[in-house]
Amino acid sequence: DHAYDHDHQTQGVRRFNDHVAQDTRVEK
């Protein structure tokens, strides 16, 4: 939801999801 683009907690969750999605060390 782009309405939450500037919400710090939403940014943190998105950053985490992107980080793990690209992490080849793990299955997820």
mmCIF file of all heavy atoms, coordinates in Angstrom:
data_MODEL
# 
_entry.id   MODEL 
# 
loop_
_atom_site.group_PDB 
_atom_site.id 
_atom_site.type_symbol 
_atom_site.label_atom_id 
_atom_site.label_alt_id 
_atom_site.label_comp_id 
_atom_site.label_asym_id 
_atom_site.label_entity_id 
_atom_site.label_seq_id 
_atom_site.pdbx_PDB_ins_code 
_atom_site.Cartn_x 
_atom_site.Cartn_y 
_atom_site.Cartn_z 
_atom_site.occupancy 
_atom_site.B_iso_or_equiv 
_atom_site.pdbx_formal_charge 
_atom_site.auth_seq_id 
_atom_site.auth_comp_id 
_atom_site.auth_asym_id 
_atom_site.auth_atom_id 
_atom_site.pdbx_PDB_model_num 
ATOM 1   N N   . ASP A 1 1  ? 0.855  -1.187  0.000  1.00 0.00 ? 1  ASP A N   1 
ATOM 2   C CA  . ASP A 1 1  ? 0.000  0.000   0.000  1.00 0.00 ? 1  ASP A CA  1 
ATOM 3   C C   . ASP A 1 1  ? 0.893  1.240   0.000  1.00 0.00 ? 1  ASP A C   1 
ATOM 4   O O   . ASP A 1 1  ? 1.582  1.531   0.975  1.00 0.00 ? 1  ASP A O   1 
ATOM 5   C CB  . ASP A 1 1  ? -0.897 -0.025  1.242  1.00 0.00 ? 1  ASP A CB  1 
ATOM 6   C CG  . ASP A 1 1  ? -1.943 1.086   1.235  1.00 0.00 ? 1  ASP A CG  1 
ATOM 7   O OD1 . ASP A 1 1  ? -1.768 2.067   0.481  1.00 0.00 ? 1  ASP A OD1 1 
ATOM 8   O OD2 . ASP A 1 1  ? -2.923 0.979   2.007  1.00 0.00 ? 1  ASP A OD2 1 
ATOM 9   N N   . HIS A 1 2  ? 0.844  1.993   -1.094 1.00 0.00 ? 2  HIS A N   1 
ATOM 10  C CA  . HIS A 1 2  ? 1.721  3.167   -1.230 1.00 0.00 ? 2  HIS A CA  1 
ATOM 11  C C   . HIS A 1 2  ? 1.377  4.286   -0.245 1.00 0.00 ? 2  HIS A C   1 
ATOM 12  O O   . HIS A 1 2  ? 2.180  5.206   -0.046 1.00 0.00 ? 2  HIS A O   1 
ATOM 13  C CB  . HIS A 1 2  ? 1.680  3.700   -2.661 1.00 0.00 ? 2  HIS A CB  1 
ATOM 14  C CG  . HIS A 1 2  ? 2.336  2.786   -3.652 1.00 0.00 ? 2  HIS A CG  1 
ATOM 15  N ND1 . HIS A 1 2  ? 3.671  2.432   -3.561 1.00 0.00 ? 2  HIS A ND1 1 
ATOM 16  C CD2 . HIS A 1 2  ? 1.842  2.122   -4.734 1.00 0.00 ? 2  HIS A CD2 1 
ATOM 17  C CE1 . HIS A 1 2  ? 3.975  1.610   -4.548 1.00 0.00 ? 2  HIS A CE1 1 
ATOM 18  N NE2 . HIS A 1 2  ? 2.882  1.401   -5.275 1.00 0.00 ? 2  HIS A NE2 1 
ATOM 19  N N   . ALA A 1 3  ? 0.213  4.198   0.389  1.00 0.00 ? 3  ALA A N   1 
ATOM 20  C CA  . ALA A 1 3  ? -0.134 5.197   1.399  1.00 0.00 ? 3  ALA A CA  1 
ATOM 21  C C   . ALA A 1 3  ? 0.804  5.120   2.602  1.00 0.00 ? 3  ALA A C   1 
ATOM 22  O O   . ALA A 1 3  ? 0.895  6.075   3.385  1.00 0.00 ? 3  ALA A O   1 
ATOM 23  C CB  . ALA A 1 3  ? -1.582 5.009   1.847  1.00 0.00 ? 3  ALA A CB  1 
ATOM 24  N N   . TYR A 1 4  ? 1.515  3.992   2.731  1.00 0.00 ? 4  TYR A N   1 
ATOM 25  C CA  . TYR A 1 4  ? 2.417  3.795   3.872  1.00 0.00 ? 4  TYR A CA  1 
ATOM 26  C C   . TYR A 1 4  ? 3.886  3.862   3.461  1.00 0.00 ? 4  TYR A C   1 
ATOM 27  O O   . TYR A 1 4  ? 4.761  3.412   4.193  1.00 0.00 ? 4  TYR A O   1 
ATOM 28  C CB  . TYR A 1 4  ? 2.119  2.458   4.549  1.00 0.00 ? 4  TYR A CB  1 
ATOM 29  C CG  . TYR A 1 4  ? 0.768  2.441   5.225  1.00 0.00 ? 4  TYR A CG  1 
ATOM 30  C CD1 . TYR A 1 4  ? -0.371 2.087   4.505  1.00 0.00 ? 4  TYR A CD1 1 
ATOM 31  C CD2 . TYR A 1 4  ? 0.633  2.811   6.560  1.00 0.00 ? 4  TYR A CD2 1 
ATOM 32  C CE1 . TYR A 1 4  ? -1.617 2.092   5.116  1.00 0.00 ? 4  TYR A CE1 1 
ATOM 33  C CE2 . TYR A 1 4  ? -0.604 2.819   7.176  1.00 0.00 ? 4  TYR A CE2 1 
ATOM 34  C CZ  . TYR A 1 4  ? -1.725 2.460   6.444  1.00 0.00 ? 4  TYR A CZ  1 
ATOM 35  O OH  . TYR A 1 4  ? -2.968 2.474   7.042  1.00 0.00 ? 4  TYR A OH  1 
ATOM 36  N N   . ASP A 1 5  ? 4.156  4.459   2.306  1.00 0.00 ? 5  ASP A N   1 
ATOM 37  C CA  . ASP A 1 5  ? 5.532  4.515   1.810  1.00 0.00 ? 5  ASP A CA  1 
ATOM 38  C C   . ASP A 1 5  ? 6.476  5.258   2.758  1.00 0.00 ? 5  ASP A C   1 
ATOM 39  O O   . ASP A 1 5  ? 7.691  5.013   2.740  1.00 0.00 ? 5  ASP A O   1 
ATOM 40  C CB  . ASP A 1 5  ? 5.576  5.181   0.429  1.00 0.00 ? 5  ASP A CB  1 
ATOM 41  C CG  . ASP A 1 5  ? 5.103  4.254   -0.676 1.00 0.00 ? 5  ASP A CG  1 
ATOM 42  O OD1 . ASP A 1 5  ? 4.871  3.066   -0.386 1.00 0.00 ? 5  ASP A OD1 1 
ATOM 43  O OD2 . ASP A 1 5  ? 4.950  4.723   -1.821 1.00 0.00 ? 5  ASP A OD2 1 
ATOM 44  N N   . HIS A 1 6  ? 5.957  6.166   3.567  1.00 0.00 ? 6  HIS A N   1 
ATOM 45  C CA  . HIS A 1 6  ? 6.820  6.962   4.446  1.00 0.00 ? 6  HIS A CA  1 
ATOM 46  C C   . HIS A 1 6  ? 6.719  6.515   5.909  1.00 0.00 ? 6  HIS A C   1 
ATOM 47  O O   . HIS A 1 6  ? 7.279  7.170   6.790  1.00 0.00 ? 6  HIS A O   1 
ATOM 48  C CB  . HIS A 1 6  ? 6.473  8.450   4.320  1.00 0.00 ? 6  HIS A CB  1 
ATOM 49  C CG  . HIS A 1 6  ? 6.639  8.976   2.924  1.00 0.00 ? 6  HIS A CG  1 
ATOM 50  N ND1 . HIS A 1 6  ? 7.879  9.130   2.331  1.00 0.00 ? 6  HIS A ND1 1 
ATOM 51  C CD2 . HIS A 1 6  ? 5.727  9.352   1.988  1.00 0.00 ? 6  HIS A CD2 1 
ATOM 52  C CE1 . HIS A 1 6  ? 7.728  9.590   1.097  1.00 0.00 ? 6  HIS A CE1 1 
ATOM 53  N NE2 . HIS A 1 6  ? 6.434  9.732   0.860  1.00 0.00 ? 6  HIS A NE2 1 
ATOM 54  N N   . ASP A 1 7  ? 6.036  5.405   6.150  1.00 0.00 ? 7  ASP A N   1 
ATOM 55  C CA  . ASP A 1 7  ? 5.929  4.869   7.502  1.00 0.00 ? 7  ASP A CA  1 
ATOM 56  C C   . ASP A 1 7  ? 7.171  4.037   7.806  1.00 0.00 ? 7  ASP A C   1 
ATOM 57  O O   . ASP A 1 7  ? 7.509  3.107   7.066  1.00 0.00 ? 7  ASP A O   1 
ATOM 58  C CB  . ASP A 1 7  ? 4.666  4.003   7.620  1.00 0.00 ? 7  ASP A CB  1 
ATOM 59  C CG  . ASP A 1 7  ? 4.565  3.327   8.969  1.00 0.00 ? 7  ASP A CG  1 
ATOM 60  O OD1 . ASP A 1 7  ? 4.276  4.027   9.950  1.00 0.00 ? 7  ASP A OD1 1 
ATOM 61  O OD2 . ASP A 1 7  ? 4.778  2.095   9.045  1.00 0.00 ? 7  ASP A OD2 1 
ATOM 62  N N   . HIS A 1 8  ? 7.864  4.344   8.899  1.00 0.00 ? 8  HIS A N   1 
ATOM 63  C CA  . HIS A 1 8  ? 9.155  3.718   9.172  1.00 0.00 ? 8  HIS A CA  1 
ATOM 64  C C   . HIS A 1 8  ? 9.035  2.217   9.430  1.00 0.00 ? 8  HIS A C   1 
ATOM 65  O O   . HIS A 1 8  ? 9.908  1.440   9.032  1.00 0.00 ? 8  HIS A O   1 
ATOM 66  C CB  . HIS A 1 8  ? 9.836  4.406   10.356 1.00 0.00 ? 8  HIS A CB  1 
ATOM 67  C CG  . HIS A 1 8  ? 10.243 5.820   10.073 1.00 0.00 ? 8  HIS A CG  1 
ATOM 68  N ND1 . HIS A 1 8  ? 11.041 6.171   8.998  1.00 0.00 ? 8  HIS A ND1 1 
ATOM 69  C CD2 . HIS A 1 8  ? 9.952  6.985   10.713 1.00 0.00 ? 8  HIS A CD2 1 
ATOM 70  C CE1 . HIS A 1 8  ? 11.239 7.467   8.985  1.00 0.00 ? 8  HIS A CE1 1 
ATOM 71  N NE2 . HIS A 1 8  ? 10.584 7.993   10.021 1.00 0.00 ? 8  HIS A NE2 1 
ATOM 72  N N   . GLN A 1 9  ? 7.974  1.801   10.106 1.00 0.00 ? 9  GLN A N   1 
ATOM 73  C CA  . GLN A 1 9  ? 7.823  0.369   10.376 1.00 0.00 ? 9  GLN A CA  1 
ATOM 74  C C   . GLN A 1 9  ? 7.510  -0.399  9.086  1.00 0.00 ? 9  GLN A C   1 
ATOM 75  O O   . GLN A 1 9  ? 8.040  -1.493  8.862  1.00 0.00 ? 9  GLN A O   1 
ATOM 76  C CB  . GLN A 1 9  ? 6.748  0.142   11.427 1.00 0.00 ? 9  GLN A CB  1 
ATOM 77  C CG  . GLN A 1 9  ? 7.122  0.727   12.783 1.00 0.00 ? 9  GLN A CG  1 
ATOM 78  C CD  . GLN A 1 9  ? 6.281  0.185   13.908 1.00 0.00 ? 9  GLN A CD  1 
ATOM 79  O OE1 . GLN A 1 9  ? 6.520  -0.899  14.409 1.00 0.00 ? 9  GLN A OE1 1 
ATOM 80  N NE2 . GLN A 1 9  ? 5.278  0.946   14.293 1.00 0.00 ? 9  GLN A NE2 1 
ATOM 81  N N   . THR A 1 10 ? 6.657  0.178   8.258  1.00 0.00 ? 10 THR A N   1 
ATOM 82  C CA  . THR A 1 10 ? 6.376  -0.446  6.964  1.00 0.00 ? 10 THR A CA  1 
ATOM 83  C C   . THR A 1 10 ? 7.648  -0.541  6.127  1.00 0.00 ? 10 THR A C   1 
ATOM 84  O O   . THR A 1 10 ? 7.922  -1.572  5.501  1.00 0.00 ? 10 THR A O   1 
ATOM 85  C CB  . THR A 1 10 ? 5.305  0.350   6.195  1.00 0.00 ? 10 THR A CB  1 
ATOM 86  O OG1 . THR A 1 10 ? 4.100  0.401   6.983  1.00 0.00 ? 10 THR A OG1 1 
ATOM 87  C CG2 . THR A 1 10 ? 4.990  -0.303  4.858  1.00 0.00 ? 10 THR A CG2 1 
ATOM 88  N N   . GLN A 1 11 ? 8.444  0.532   6.132  1.00 0.00 ? 11 GLN A N   1 
ATOM 89  C CA  . GLN A 1 11 ? 9.710  0.514   5.406  1.00 0.00 ? 11 GLN A CA  1 
ATOM 90  C C   . GLN A 1 11 ? 10.617 -0.599  5.924  1.00 0.00 ? 11 GLN A C   1 
ATOM 91  O O   . GLN A 1 11 ? 11.294 -1.285  5.144  1.00 0.00 ? 11 GLN A O   1 
ATOM 92  C CB  . GLN A 1 11 ? 10.408 1.864   5.545  1.00 0.00 ? 11 GLN A CB  1 
ATOM 93  C CG  . GLN A 1 11 ? 9.726  3.002   4.800  1.00 0.00 ? 11 GLN A CG  1 
ATOM 94  C CD  . GLN A 1 11 ? 10.370 4.352   5.092  1.00 0.00 ? 11 GLN A CD  1 
ATOM 95  O OE1 . GLN A 1 11 ? 11.238 4.471   5.954  1.00 0.00 ? 11 GLN A OE1 1 
ATOM 96  N NE2 . GLN A 1 11 ? 9.927  5.372   4.369  1.00 0.00 ? 11 GLN A NE2 1 
ATOM 97  N N   . GLY A 1 12 ? 10.621 -0.797  7.250  1.00 0.00 ? 12 GLY A N   1 
ATOM 98  C CA  . GLY A 1 12 ? 11.460 -1.838  7.834  1.00 0.00 ? 12 GLY A CA  1 
ATOM 99  C C   . GLY A 1 12 ? 11.031 -3.230  7.421  1.00 0.00 ? 12 GLY A C   1 
ATOM 100 O O   . GLY A 1 12 ? 11.875 -4.084  7.116  1.00 0.00 ? 12 GLY A O   1 
ATOM 101 N N   . VAL A 1 13 ? 9.725  -3.462  7.384  1.00 0.00 ? 13 VAL A N   1 
ATOM 102 C CA  . VAL A 1 13 ? 9.219  -4.773  6.973  1.00 0.00 ? 13 VAL A CA  1 
ATOM 103 C C   . VAL A 1 13 ? 9.502  -5.009  5.492  1.00 0.00 ? 13 VAL A C   1 
ATOM 104 O O   . VAL A 1 13 ? 9.941  -6.103  5.089  1.00 0.00 ? 13 VAL A O   1 
ATOM 105 C CB  . VAL A 1 13 ? 7.709  -4.902  7.264  1.00 0.00 ? 13 VAL A CB  1 
ATOM 106 C CG1 . VAL A 1 13 ? 7.171  -6.221  6.714  1.00 0.00 ? 13 VAL A CG1 1 
ATOM 107 C CG2 . VAL A 1 13 ? 7.444  -4.815  8.761  1.00 0.00 ? 13 VAL A CG2 1 
ATOM 108 N N   . ARG A 1 14 ? 9.287  -4.004  4.662  1.00 0.00 ? 14 ARG A N   1 
ATOM 109 C CA  . ARG A 1 14 ? 9.580  -4.146  3.229  1.00 0.00 ? 14 ARG A CA  1 
ATOM 110 C C   . ARG A 1 14 ? 11.068 -4.427  3.005  1.00 0.00 ? 14 ARG A C   1 
ATOM 111 O O   . ARG A 1 14 ? 11.435 -5.281  2.186  1.00 0.00 ? 14 ARG A O   1 
ATOM 112 C CB  . ARG A 1 14 ? 9.187  -2.869  2.485  1.00 0.00 ? 14 ARG A CB  1 
ATOM 113 C CG  . ARG A 1 14 ? 7.687  -2.633  2.336  1.00 0.00 ? 14 ARG A CG  1 
ATOM 114 C CD  . ARG A 1 14 ? 7.459  -1.282  1.686  1.00 0.00 ? 14 ARG A CD  1 
ATOM 115 N NE  . ARG A 1 14 ? 6.054  -0.979  1.488  1.00 0.00 ? 14 ARG A NE  1 
ATOM 116 C CZ  . ARG A 1 14 ? 5.599  0.214   1.109  1.00 0.00 ? 14 ARG A CZ  1 
ATOM 117 N NH1 . ARG A 1 14 ? 6.461  1.202   0.887  1.00 0.00 ? 14 ARG A NH1 1 
ATOM 118 N NH2 . ARG A 1 14 ? 4.307  0.414   0.947  1.00 0.00 ? 14 ARG A NH2 1 
ATOM 119 N N   . ARG A 1 15 ? 11.903 -3.699  3.720  1.00 0.00 ? 15 ARG A N   1 
ATOM 120 C CA  . ARG A 1 15 ? 13.352 -3.881  3.575  1.00 0.00 ? 15 ARG A CA  1 
ATOM 121 C C   . ARG A 1 15 ? 13.745 -5.306  3.964  1.00 0.00 ? 15 ARG A C   1 
ATOM 122 O O   . ARG A 1 15 ? 14.554 -5.952  3.290  1.00 0.00 ? 15 ARG A O   1 
ATOM 123 C CB  . ARG A 1 15 ? 14.081 -2.856  4.457  1.00 0.00 ? 15 ARG A CB  1 
ATOM 124 C CG  . ARG A 1 15 ? 15.597 -2.814  4.265  1.00 0.00 ? 15 ARG A CG  1 
ATOM 125 C CD  . ARG A 1 15 ? 16.174 -1.533  4.872  1.00 0.00 ? 15 ARG A CD  1 
ATOM 126 N NE  . ARG A 1 15 ? 16.009 -1.477  6.310  1.00 0.00 ? 15 ARG A NE  1 
ATOM 127 C CZ  . ARG A 1 15 ? 16.941 -1.812  7.200  1.00 0.00 ? 15 ARG A CZ  1 
ATOM 128 N NH1 . ARG A 1 15 ? 18.132 -2.249  6.781  1.00 0.00 ? 15 ARG A NH1 1 
ATOM 129 N NH2 . ARG A 1 15 ? 16.721 -1.710  8.486  1.00 0.00 ? 15 ARG A NH2 1 
ATOM 130 N N   . PHE A 1 16 ? 13.142 -5.802  5.036  1.00 0.00 ? 16 PHE A N   1 
ATOM 131 C CA  . PHE A 1 16 ? 13.406 -7.172  5.459  1.00 0.00 ? 16 PHE A CA  1 
ATOM 132 C C   . PHE A 1 16 ? 12.946 -8.175  4.406  1.00 0.00 ? 16 PHE A C   1 
ATOM 133 O O   . PHE A 1 16 ? 13.680 -9.101  4.045  1.00 0.00 ? 16 PHE A O   1 
ATOM 134 C CB  . PHE A 1 16 ? 12.715 -7.460  6.795  1.00 0.00 ? 16 PHE A CB  1 
ATOM 135 C CG  . PHE A 1 16 ? 12.670 -8.921  7.123  1.00 0.00 ? 16 PHE A CG  1 
ATOM 136 C CD1 . PHE A 1 16 ? 13.793 -9.576  7.608  1.00 0.00 ? 16 PHE A CD1 1 
ATOM 137 C CD2 . PHE A 1 16 ? 11.512 -9.660  6.915  1.00 0.00 ? 16 PHE A CD2 1 
ATOM 138 C CE1 . PHE A 1 16 ? 13.761 -10.937 7.886  1.00 0.00 ? 16 PHE A CE1 1 
ATOM 139 C CE2 . PHE A 1 16 ? 11.468 -11.014 7.188  1.00 0.00 ? 16 PHE A CE2 1 
ATOM 140 C CZ  . PHE A 1 16 ? 12.601 -11.651 7.673  1.00 0.00 ? 16 PHE A CZ  1 
ATOM 141 N N   . ASN A 1 17 ? 11.716 -8.025  3.930  1.00 0.00 ? 17 ASN A N   1 
ATOM 142 C CA  . ASN A 1 17 ? 11.184 -8.966  2.942  1.00 0.00 ? 17 ASN A CA  1 
ATOM 143 C C   . ASN A 1 17 ? 12.047 -9.005  1.686  1.00 0.00 ? 17 ASN A C   1 
ATOM 144 O O   . ASN A 1 17 ? 12.328 -10.085 1.140  1.00 0.00 ? 17 ASN A O   1 
ATOM 145 C CB  . ASN A 1 17 ? 9.744  -8.598  2.575  1.00 0.00 ? 17 ASN A CB  1 
ATOM 146 C CG  . ASN A 1 17 ? 8.762  -8.892  3.696  1.00 0.00 ? 17 ASN A CG  1 
ATOM 147 O OD1 . ASN A 1 17 ? 9.029  -9.704  4.583  1.00 0.00 ? 17 ASN A OD1 1 
ATOM 148 N ND2 . ASN A 1 17 ? 7.614  -8.231  3.651  1.00 0.00 ? 17 ASN A ND2 1 
ATOM 149 N N   . ASP A 1 18 ? 12.486 -7.836  1.223  1.00 0.00 ? 18 ASP A N   1 
ATOM 150 C CA  . ASP A 1 18 ? 13.353 -7.780  0.037  1.00 0.00 ? 18 ASP A CA  1 
ATOM 151 C C   . ASP A 1 18 ? 14.706 -8.439  0.336  1.00 0.00 ? 18 ASP A C   1 
ATOM 152 O O   . ASP A 1 18 ? 15.263 -9.156  -0.507 1.00 0.00 ? 18 ASP A O   1 
ATOM 153 C CB  . ASP A 1 18 ? 13.564 -6.330  -0.395 1.00 0.00 ? 18 ASP A CB  1 
ATOM 154 C CG  . ASP A 1 18 ? 12.305 -5.688  -0.962 1.00 0.00 ? 18 ASP A CG  1 
ATOM 155 O OD1 . ASP A 1 18 ? 11.359 -6.431  -1.310 1.00 0.00 ? 18 ASP A OD1 1 
ATOM 156 O OD2 . ASP A 1 18 ? 12.263 -4.441  -1.033 1.00 0.00 ? 18 ASP A OD2 1 
ATOM 157 N N   . HIS A 1 19 ? 15.219 -8.190  1.525  1.00 0.00 ? 19 HIS A N   1 
ATOM 158 C CA  . HIS A 1 19 ? 16.525 -8.734  1.918  1.00 0.00 ? 19 HIS A CA  1 
ATOM 159 C C   . HIS A 1 19 ? 16.490 -10.259 1.924  1.00 0.00 ? 19 HIS A C   1 
ATOM 160 O O   . HIS A 1 19 ? 17.384 -10.917 1.373  1.00 0.00 ? 19 HIS A O   1 
ATOM 161 C CB  . HIS A 1 19 ? 16.886 -8.188  3.299  1.00 0.00 ? 19 HIS A CB  1 
ATOM 162 C CG  . HIS A 1 19 ? 18.212 -8.635  3.822  1.00 0.00 ? 19 HIS A CG  1 
ATOM 163 N ND1 . HIS A 1 19 ? 19.416 -8.100  3.389  1.00 0.00 ? 19 HIS A ND1 1 
ATOM 164 C CD2 . HIS A 1 19 ? 18.545 -9.577  4.747  1.00 0.00 ? 19 HIS A CD2 1 
ATOM 165 C CE1 . HIS A 1 19 ? 20.418 -8.690  4.023  1.00 0.00 ? 19 HIS A CE1 1 
ATOM 166 N NE2 . HIS A 1 19 ? 19.918 -9.587  4.856  1.00 0.00 ? 19 HIS A NE2 1 
ATOM 167 N N   . VAL A 1 20 ? 15.462 -10.827 2.535  1.00 0.00 ? 20 VAL A N   1 
ATOM 168 C CA  . VAL A 1 20 ? 15.369 -12.287 2.642  1.00 0.00 ? 20 VAL A CA  1 
ATOM 169 C C   . VAL A 1 20 ? 15.065 -12.918 1.283  1.00 0.00 ? 20 VAL A C   1 
ATOM 170 O O   . VAL A 1 20 ? 15.591 -13.989 0.953  1.00 0.00 ? 20 VAL A O   1 
ATOM 171 C CB  . VAL A 1 20 ? 14.302 -12.684 3.683  1.00 0.00 ? 20 VAL A CB  1 
ATOM 172 C CG1 . VAL A 1 20 ? 14.087 -14.200 3.687  1.00 0.00 ? 20 VAL A CG1 1 
ATOM 173 C CG2 . VAL A 1 20 ? 14.728 -12.215 5.067  1.00 0.00 ? 20 VAL A CG2 1 
ATOM 174 N N   . ALA A 1 21 ? 14.241 -12.252 0.489  1.00 0.00 ? 21 ALA A N   1 
ATOM 175 C CA  . ALA A 1 21 ? 13.909 -12.787 -0.838 1.00 0.00 ? 21 ALA A CA  1 
ATOM 176 C C   . ALA A 1 21 ? 15.165 -12.970 -1.690 1.00 0.00 ? 21 ALA A C   1 
ATOM 177 O O   . ALA A 1 21 ? 15.234 -13.897 -2.508 1.00 0.00 ? 21 ALA A O   1 
ATOM 178 C CB  . ALA A 1 21 ? 12.925 -11.863 -1.539 1.00 0.00 ? 21 ALA A CB  1 
ATOM 179 N N   . GLN A 1 22 ? 16.158 -12.114 -1.480 1.00 0.00 ? 22 GLN A N   1 
ATOM 180 C CA  . GLN A 1 22 ? 17.386 -12.168 -2.269 1.00 0.00 ? 22 GLN A CA  1 
ATOM 181 C C   . GLN A 1 22 ? 18.511 -12.953 -1.586 1.00 0.00 ? 22 GLN A C   1 
ATOM 182 O O   . GLN A 1 22 ? 19.600 -13.070 -2.137 1.00 0.00 ? 22 GLN A O   1 
ATOM 183 C CB  . GLN A 1 22 ? 17.861 -10.732 -2.537 1.00 0.00 ? 22 GLN A CB  1 
ATOM 184 C CG  . GLN A 1 22 ? 16.874 -9.913  -3.358 1.00 0.00 ? 22 GLN A CG  1 
ATOM 185 C CD  . GLN A 1 22 ? 17.190 -8.422  -3.349 1.00 0.00 ? 22 GLN A CD  1 
ATOM 186 O OE1 . GLN A 1 22 ? 18.265 -8.012  -2.922 1.00 0.00 ? 22 GLN A OE1 1 
ATOM 187 N NE2 . GLN A 1 22 ? 16.236 -7.615  -3.798 1.00 0.00 ? 22 GLN A NE2 1 
ATOM 188 N N   . ASP A 1 23 ? 18.223 -13.501 -0.401 1.00 0.00 ? 23 ASP A N   1 
ATOM 189 C CA  . ASP A 1 23 ? 19.248 -14.204 0.373  1.00 0.00 ? 23 ASP A CA  1 
ATOM 190 C C   . ASP A 1 23 ? 19.353 -15.653 -0.091 1.00 0.00 ? 23 ASP A C   1 
ATOM 191 O O   . ASP A 1 23 ? 18.480 -16.478 0.221  1.00 0.00 ? 23 ASP A O   1 
ATOM 192 C CB  . ASP A 1 23 ? 18.906 -14.134 1.865  1.00 0.00 ? 23 ASP A CB  1 
ATOM 193 C CG  . ASP A 1 23 ? 20.052 -14.610 2.748  1.00 0.00 ? 23 ASP A CG  1 
ATOM 194 O OD1 . ASP A 1 23 ? 21.014 -15.209 2.219  1.00 0.00 ? 23 ASP A OD1 1 
ATOM 195 O OD2 . ASP A 1 23 ? 19.987 -14.387 3.970  1.00 0.00 ? 23 ASP A OD2 1 
ATOM 196 N N   . THR A 1 24 ? 20.415 -15.971 -0.803 1.00 0.00 ? 24 THR A N   1 
ATOM 197 C CA  . THR A 1 24 ? 20.582 -17.320 -1.356 1.00 0.00 ? 24 THR A CA  1 
ATOM 198 C C   . THR A 1 24 ? 21.072 -18.335 -0.322 1.00 0.00 ? 24 THR A C   1 
ATOM 199 O O   . THR A 1 24 ? 21.167 -19.522 -0.617 1.00 0.00 ? 24 THR A O   1 
ATOM 200 C CB  . THR A 1 24 ? 21.569 -17.291 -2.536 1.00 0.00 ? 24 THR A CB  1 
ATOM 201 O OG1 . THR A 1 24 ? 22.838 -16.773 -2.079 1.00 0.00 ? 24 THR A OG1 1 
ATOM 202 C CG2 . THR A 1 24 ? 21.040 -16.413 -3.660 1.00 0.00 ? 24 THR A CG2 1 
ATOM 203 N N   . ARG A 1 25 ? 21.359 -17.871 0.891  1.00 0.00 ? 25 ARG A N   1 
ATOM 204 C CA  . ARG A 1 25 ? 21.799 -18.785 1.946  1.00 0.00 ? 25 ARG A CA  1 
ATOM 205 C C   . ARG A 1 25 ? 20.647 -19.620 2.491  1.00 0.00 ? 25 ARG A C   1 
ATOM 206 O O   . ARG A 1 25 ? 20.873 -20.664 3.100  1.00 0.00 ? 25 ARG A O   1 
ATOM 207 C CB  . ARG A 1 25 ? 22.435 -18.004 3.102  1.00 0.00 ? 25 ARG A CB  1 
ATOM 208 C CG  . ARG A 1 25 ? 23.697 -17.238 2.741  1.00 0.00 ? 25 ARG A CG  1 
ATOM 209 C CD  . ARG A 1 25 ? 24.101 -16.311 3.879  1.00 0.00 ? 25 ARG A CD  1 
ATOM 210 N NE  . ARG A 1 25 ? 23.110 -15.252 4.100  1.00 0.00 ? 25 ARG A NE  1 
ATOM 211 C CZ  . ARG A 1 25 ? 23.201 -14.327 5.067  1.00 0.00 ? 25 ARG A CZ  1 
ATOM 212 N NH1 . ARG A 1 25 ? 24.230 -14.349 5.905  1.00 0.00 ? 25 ARG A NH1 1 
ATOM 213 N NH2 . ARG A 1 25 ? 22.269 -13.388 5.192  1.00 0.00 ? 25 ARG A NH2 1 
ATOM 214 N N   . VAL A 1 26 ? 19.420 -19.143 2.282  1.00 0.00 ? 26 VAL A N   1 
ATOM 215 C CA  . VAL A 1 26 ? 18.274 -19.754 2.961  1.00 0.00 ? 26 VAL A CA  1 
ATOM 216 C C   . VAL A 1 26 ? 17.140 -20.071 1.988  1.00 0.00 ? 26 VAL A C   1 
ATOM 217 O O   . VAL A 1 26 ? 17.057 -19.522 0.889  1.00 0.00 ? 26 VAL A O   1 
ATOM 218 C CB  . VAL A 1 26 ? 17.739 -18.818 4.071  1.00 0.00 ? 26 VAL A CB  1 
ATOM 219 C CG1 . VAL A 1 26 ? 18.795 -18.575 5.139  1.00 0.00 ? 26 VAL A CG1 1 
ATOM 220 C CG2 . VAL A 1 26 ? 17.249 -17.488 3.495  1.00 0.00 ? 26 VAL A CG2 1 
ATOM 221 N N   . GLU A 1 27 ? 16.250 -20.952 2.447  1.00 0.00 ? 27 GLU A N   1 
ATOM 222 C CA  . GLU A 1 27 ? 14.969 -21.209 1.789  1.00 0.00 ? 27 GLU A CA  1 
ATOM 223 C C   . GLU A 1 27 ? 13.909 -20.434 2.563  1.00 0.00 ? 27 GLU A C   1 
ATOM 224 O O   . GLU A 1 27 ? 13.986 -20.331 3.793  1.00 0.00 ? 27 GLU A O   1 
ATOM 225 C CB  . GLU A 1 27 ? 14.646 -22.701 1.808  1.00 0.00 ? 27 GLU A CB  1 
ATOM 226 C CG  . GLU A 1 27 ? 15.721 -23.564 1.166  1.00 0.00 ? 27 GLU A CG  1 
ATOM 227 C CD  . GLU A 1 27 ? 15.554 -25.036 1.461  1.00 0.00 ? 27 GLU A CD  1 
ATOM 228 O OE1 . GLU A 1 27 ? 14.921 -25.377 2.490  1.00 0.00 ? 27 GLU A OE1 1 
ATOM 229 O OE2 . GLU A 1 27 ? 16.078 -25.852 0.681  1.00 0.00 ? 27 GLU A OE2 1 
ATOM 230 N N   . LYS A 1 28 ? 12.914 -19.902 1.862  1.00 0.00 ? 28 LYS A N   1 
ATOM 231 C CA  . LYS A 1 28 ? 11.948 -19.076 2.558  1.00 0.00 ? 28 LYS A CA  1 
ATOM 232 C C   . LYS A 1 28 ? 10.568 -19.123 1.903  1.00 0.00 ? 28 LYS A C   1 
ATOM 233 O O   . LYS A 1 28 ? 10.446 -19.354 0.696  1.00 0.00 ? 28 LYS A O   1 
ATOM 234 C CB  . LYS A 1 28 ? 12.425 -17.632 2.655  1.00 0.00 ? 28 LYS A CB  1 
ATOM 235 C CG  . LYS A 1 28 ? 12.308 -16.793 1.370  1.00 0.00 ? 28 LYS A CG  1 
ATOM 236 C CD  . LYS A 1 28 ? 13.309 -17.130 0.287  1.00 0.00 ? 28 LYS A CD  1 
ATOM 237 C CE  . LYS A 1 28 ? 14.729 -16.765 0.636  1.00 0.00 ? 28 LYS A CE  1 
ATOM 238 N NZ  . LYS A 1 28 ? 15.667 -16.984 -0.501 1.00 0.00 ? 28 LYS A NZ  1 
# 
